[in-house]
N, C-alpha and C. Protein backbone atom coordinates (compact mmCIF):
# COMPACT_ATOMS: atom_id res chain seq x y z
N UNK A 1 136.43 98.36 123.78
CA UNK A 1 135.42 97.12 123.87
C UNK A 1 135.06 96.36 122.44
N UNK A 2 135.22 95.32 122.60
CA UNK A 2 135.26 94.90 121.17
C UNK A 2 133.55 95.14 120.56
N UNK A 3 132.76 95.08 121.22
CA UNK A 3 131.12 95.48 120.65
C UNK A 3 130.53 96.33 121.76
N UNK A 4 131.26 97.60 121.27
CA UNK A 4 130.30 98.91 122.21
C UNK A 4 128.68 98.96 121.85
N UNK A 5 128.60 98.72 120.96
CA UNK A 5 126.74 98.94 120.91
C UNK A 5 126.13 98.11 121.88
N UNK A 6 126.81 96.75 121.76
CA UNK A 6 126.26 95.37 123.16
C UNK A 6 125.94 96.16 124.43
N UNK A 7 127.54 96.95 124.84
CA UNK A 7 127.62 97.35 126.07
C UNK A 7 126.64 98.87 126.38
N UNK A 8 126.30 99.27 125.86
CA UNK A 8 125.19 100.48 125.29
C UNK A 8 123.77 100.15 125.72
N UNK A 9 123.53 98.92 124.76
CA UNK A 9 121.89 98.26 125.07
C UNK A 9 121.83 97.63 126.02
N UNK A 10 122.90 97.10 126.76
CA UNK A 10 123.18 96.56 128.52
C UNK A 10 122.87 97.81 129.56
N UNK A 11 123.42 98.60 128.96
CA UNK A 11 123.71 99.73 130.08
C UNK A 11 122.32 100.46 130.20
N UNK A 12 121.92 101.29 128.77
CA UNK A 12 120.41 101.41 129.02
C UNK A 12 119.25 100.43 129.23
N UNK A 13 119.43 99.10 129.35
CA UNK A 13 118.48 97.98 129.81
C UNK A 13 119.00 98.22 131.55
N UNK A 14 119.85 98.23 131.89
CA UNK A 14 120.04 98.45 133.51
C UNK A 14 119.51 99.68 133.81
N UNK A 15 119.77 100.74 133.24
CA UNK A 15 119.21 102.43 133.62
C UNK A 15 117.52 102.27 133.68
N UNK A 16 117.16 101.24 132.60
CA UNK A 16 115.91 101.62 132.50
C UNK A 16 114.69 100.13 133.49
N UNK A 17 115.38 99.84 134.36
CA UNK A 17 115.20 98.62 135.22
C UNK A 17 114.52 97.60 134.48
N UNK A 18 115.11 97.31 133.16
CA UNK A 18 114.47 96.07 132.47
C UNK A 18 115.34 94.92 132.70
N UNK A 19 114.75 93.47 132.30
CA UNK A 19 115.44 92.32 132.53
C UNK A 19 115.48 91.64 131.65
N UNK A 20 116.68 91.29 130.93
CA UNK A 20 116.72 90.54 129.97
C UNK A 20 117.17 88.94 130.38
N UNK A 21 116.67 88.22 129.50
CA UNK A 21 116.30 86.97 129.61
C UNK A 21 117.75 86.33 128.63
N UNK A 22 118.96 85.95 129.14
CA UNK A 22 120.11 85.62 128.36
C UNK A 22 119.71 84.49 127.23
N UNK A 23 119.00 84.03 127.34
CA UNK A 23 117.94 82.90 126.58
C UNK A 23 117.50 83.19 125.44
N UNK A 24 116.78 84.47 125.54
CA UNK A 24 115.92 85.06 124.36
C UNK A 24 117.08 85.80 123.97
N UNK A 25 117.40 86.46 123.88
CA UNK A 25 118.85 87.58 123.85
C UNK A 25 119.65 86.72 122.37
N UNK A 26 120.19 87.72 121.73
CA UNK A 26 120.50 87.44 120.23
C UNK A 26 121.48 88.58 120.22
N UNK A 27 122.78 88.65 119.71
CA UNK A 27 123.90 89.48 119.61
C UNK A 27 124.47 89.52 118.69
N UNK A 28 124.85 90.25 118.03
CA UNK A 28 126.02 90.24 116.78
C UNK A 28 125.94 88.83 115.71
N UNK A 29 124.13 88.93 115.48
CA UNK A 29 123.48 88.04 114.17
C UNK A 29 123.20 88.75 112.91
N UNK A 30 123.10 87.84 111.80
CA UNK A 30 122.54 88.61 110.52
C UNK A 30 121.10 88.98 110.49
N UNK A 31 120.48 88.31 111.13
CA UNK A 31 118.81 88.42 111.17
C UNK A 31 118.09 87.95 112.39
N UNK A 32 117.15 88.26 112.91
CA UNK A 32 116.64 87.97 113.68
C UNK A 32 115.15 87.88 113.79
N UNK A 33 114.34 87.15 114.28
CA UNK A 33 112.56 87.17 114.13
C UNK A 33 112.41 87.85 115.69
N UNK A 34 111.37 89.06 115.41
CA UNK A 34 110.89 89.77 116.15
C UNK A 34 109.50 90.04 116.35
N UNK A 35 108.58 90.11 117.24
CA UNK A 35 107.49 89.92 116.90
C UNK A 35 106.70 89.73 115.90
N UNK A 36 107.25 88.27 115.30
CA UNK A 36 106.78 87.89 114.06
C UNK A 36 107.28 88.39 112.98
N UNK A 37 107.93 89.31 112.71
CA UNK A 37 108.62 89.85 111.61
C UNK A 37 110.29 89.76 111.67
N UNK A 38 110.62 89.06 110.59
CA UNK A 38 112.20 89.11 109.84
C UNK A 38 112.84 90.59 110.08
N UNK A 39 113.78 90.78 110.83
CA UNK A 39 114.57 92.02 110.80
C UNK A 39 116.01 91.49 109.99
N UNK A 40 116.49 92.24 108.92
CA UNK A 40 117.70 91.77 108.69
C UNK A 40 118.10 93.17 108.41
N UNK A 41 119.61 93.33 107.32
CA UNK A 41 120.45 94.59 107.56
C UNK A 41 119.81 94.99 106.29
N UNK A 42 118.37 94.26 105.55
CA UNK A 42 117.67 94.90 104.38
C UNK A 42 116.88 95.49 104.67
N UNK A 43 116.28 95.16 106.24
CA UNK A 43 115.10 95.99 106.99
C UNK A 43 114.16 95.17 107.40
N UNK A 44 112.96 95.50 107.41
CA UNK A 44 111.92 94.68 108.29
C UNK A 44 110.83 93.82 107.10
N UNK A 45 110.99 92.62 107.03
CA UNK A 45 110.26 91.77 105.96
C UNK A 45 109.07 90.89 107.17
N UNK A 46 108.25 90.37 106.32
CA UNK A 46 107.00 89.76 106.95
C UNK A 46 108.10 88.26 106.93
N UNK A 47 107.91 87.53 108.01
CA UNK A 47 108.44 86.37 108.36
C UNK A 47 108.04 85.19 107.41
N UNK A 48 108.67 84.62 107.00
CA UNK A 48 108.60 83.65 105.71
C UNK A 48 107.85 81.93 106.20
N UNK A 49 108.09 81.73 107.46
CA UNK A 49 106.87 80.93 107.91
C UNK A 49 105.72 81.48 108.02
N UNK A 50 105.41 82.37 108.32
CA UNK A 50 103.69 83.44 108.67
C UNK A 50 103.24 83.32 107.20
N UNK A 51 103.99 83.87 106.30
CA UNK A 51 103.81 83.77 104.81
C UNK A 51 103.18 82.99 104.52
N UNK A 52 103.89 81.72 104.61
CA UNK A 52 103.51 80.39 103.79
C UNK A 52 102.42 80.21 104.70
N UNK A 53 102.51 80.24 105.88
CA UNK A 53 100.89 79.46 106.69
C UNK A 53 99.66 80.33 105.63
N UNK A 54 99.50 81.29 105.50
CA UNK A 54 98.84 82.11 105.21
C UNK A 54 98.59 81.60 103.40
N UNK A 55 99.43 82.07 102.76
CA UNK A 55 99.37 80.87 101.18
C UNK A 55 98.67 79.62 101.42
N UNK A 56 99.59 79.26 102.41
CA UNK A 56 98.82 77.75 102.11
C UNK A 56 97.75 76.89 102.49
N UNK A 57 96.55 78.77 103.10
CA UNK A 57 95.47 78.14 104.24
C UNK A 57 94.28 77.37 102.74
N UNK A 58 93.21 76.89 103.84
CA UNK A 58 92.35 76.18 102.99
C UNK A 58 91.54 77.99 102.85
N UNK A 59 90.50 77.86 101.31
CA UNK A 59 89.96 78.83 101.23
C UNK A 59 88.57 78.89 101.99
N UNK A 60 88.40 80.63 102.56
CA UNK A 60 87.50 80.47 103.25
C UNK A 60 86.35 79.90 102.57
N UNK A 61 85.24 79.11 103.64
CA UNK A 61 83.78 78.32 103.16
C UNK A 61 82.81 78.96 103.76
N UNK A 62 82.85 79.72 104.59
CA UNK A 62 81.80 80.60 105.02
C UNK A 62 82.24 82.25 106.07
N UNK A 63 80.98 82.63 106.76
CA UNK A 63 81.91 84.30 106.88
C UNK A 63 82.34 84.12 108.04
N UNK A 64 82.50 82.88 108.95
CA UNK A 64 83.32 83.01 110.45
C UNK A 64 84.75 82.53 110.09
N UNK A 65 84.93 81.95 108.88
CA UNK A 65 86.17 81.41 108.32
C UNK A 65 86.80 82.70 107.82
N UNK A 66 86.35 83.53 107.26
CA UNK A 66 86.59 85.05 106.45
C UNK A 66 86.67 85.62 108.23
N UNK A 67 86.14 85.58 108.92
CA UNK A 67 86.45 86.66 109.97
C UNK A 67 87.45 86.01 110.56
N UNK A 68 87.57 84.94 110.80
CA UNK A 68 88.99 84.16 111.57
C UNK A 68 90.46 84.66 110.73
N UNK A 69 90.26 84.47 109.06
CA UNK A 69 91.49 85.03 108.52
C UNK A 69 91.43 86.78 108.58
N UNK A 70 90.56 87.24 108.83
CA UNK A 70 90.79 88.59 108.65
C UNK A 70 91.20 89.03 109.94
N UNK A 71 91.02 88.21 111.46
CA UNK A 71 91.50 88.49 112.40
C UNK A 71 93.00 88.22 112.80
N UNK A 72 93.58 86.82 111.69
CA UNK A 72 94.60 86.51 112.07
C UNK A 72 95.35 87.16 111.09
N UNK A 73 95.22 88.00 110.25
CA UNK A 73 95.68 88.79 109.12
C UNK A 73 96.19 90.20 109.69
N UNK A 74 95.20 90.71 110.48
CA UNK A 74 95.32 91.92 110.89
C UNK A 74 96.64 92.02 112.45
């Protein structure tokens, strides 16, 4: 087989009765975003888009703003 790892993943998914959405599956890629993190051959890193959004946020002006910010980053 050309990509034995892919066949292994698909066989395990079938045995566990997991249904995969072909439009959401990515195989043989160098990096991908999963649950908000960027996964590369270098490891797991925060998604640059999310980091940029946090860095460019307005400074909290009141208690509710601080609570909202803390809820977002947790």
